[in-house]
Amino acid sequence: MKDHFSNFAGYNSWANTVLYDAVSALESSQREQDLLGFFKSITGTLNHILVGDLLWMERLEREGAKPATLDTILFTNFAELFESRKQIDQRLIQFVDRQTEDSLQNILDYKTTAGELCHEKVAEILSHLFNHQTHHRGQCHQMLSQLGKTPPSIDMIYYIRGRKL
């Protein structure tokens, strides 16, 4: 199971970099444009993904930033947002690297942003975290299309094929 999560952590970092590279070609006004997404804009959606990751990493490691709400805009400056994205991706890779098959089965007690006490296995949390990112990267992918841009290919198979080269 650890290999599975290591693969996802690497893919996650790669997909984020590819997506952010595509988004960096946009004008600031395009990144901020309300495209009727759940978090309105590409910037809002990318911030939400980062907020989710920060919350989960704080719960998993018991340290780090803990945004108050899921729609918090941490960064309006795209370069700062991208840098923070790279840092949290590396932190996530390092967290997964430290895990063992046994530790992935540990139960984590945590509180949601609404204050509800929950208990899940570390493996289940990691599955959610990676799935959450894929879901919202897909929304950004669609928003790029709405802006008339060709979105990048960020399917996992492209990451897997690239590693074989």
Foldseek 3Di string as FASTA:
>chain_A
DLVVLLLLLVLLLVLLVQQLVQVVPDDLCQQVQQPVDPLRGVQQLLQLLLQVLQCLVCQVVVDDDHDLDSRDRPDSDSVVSSVSSNVSSVVSSVVSVPDDPVQQQDWGWDADSVGDTDIDGNVVSSVVSSVSSVVSSVVSCVSCVVVVHHGDDSPSVVVVVVVVD
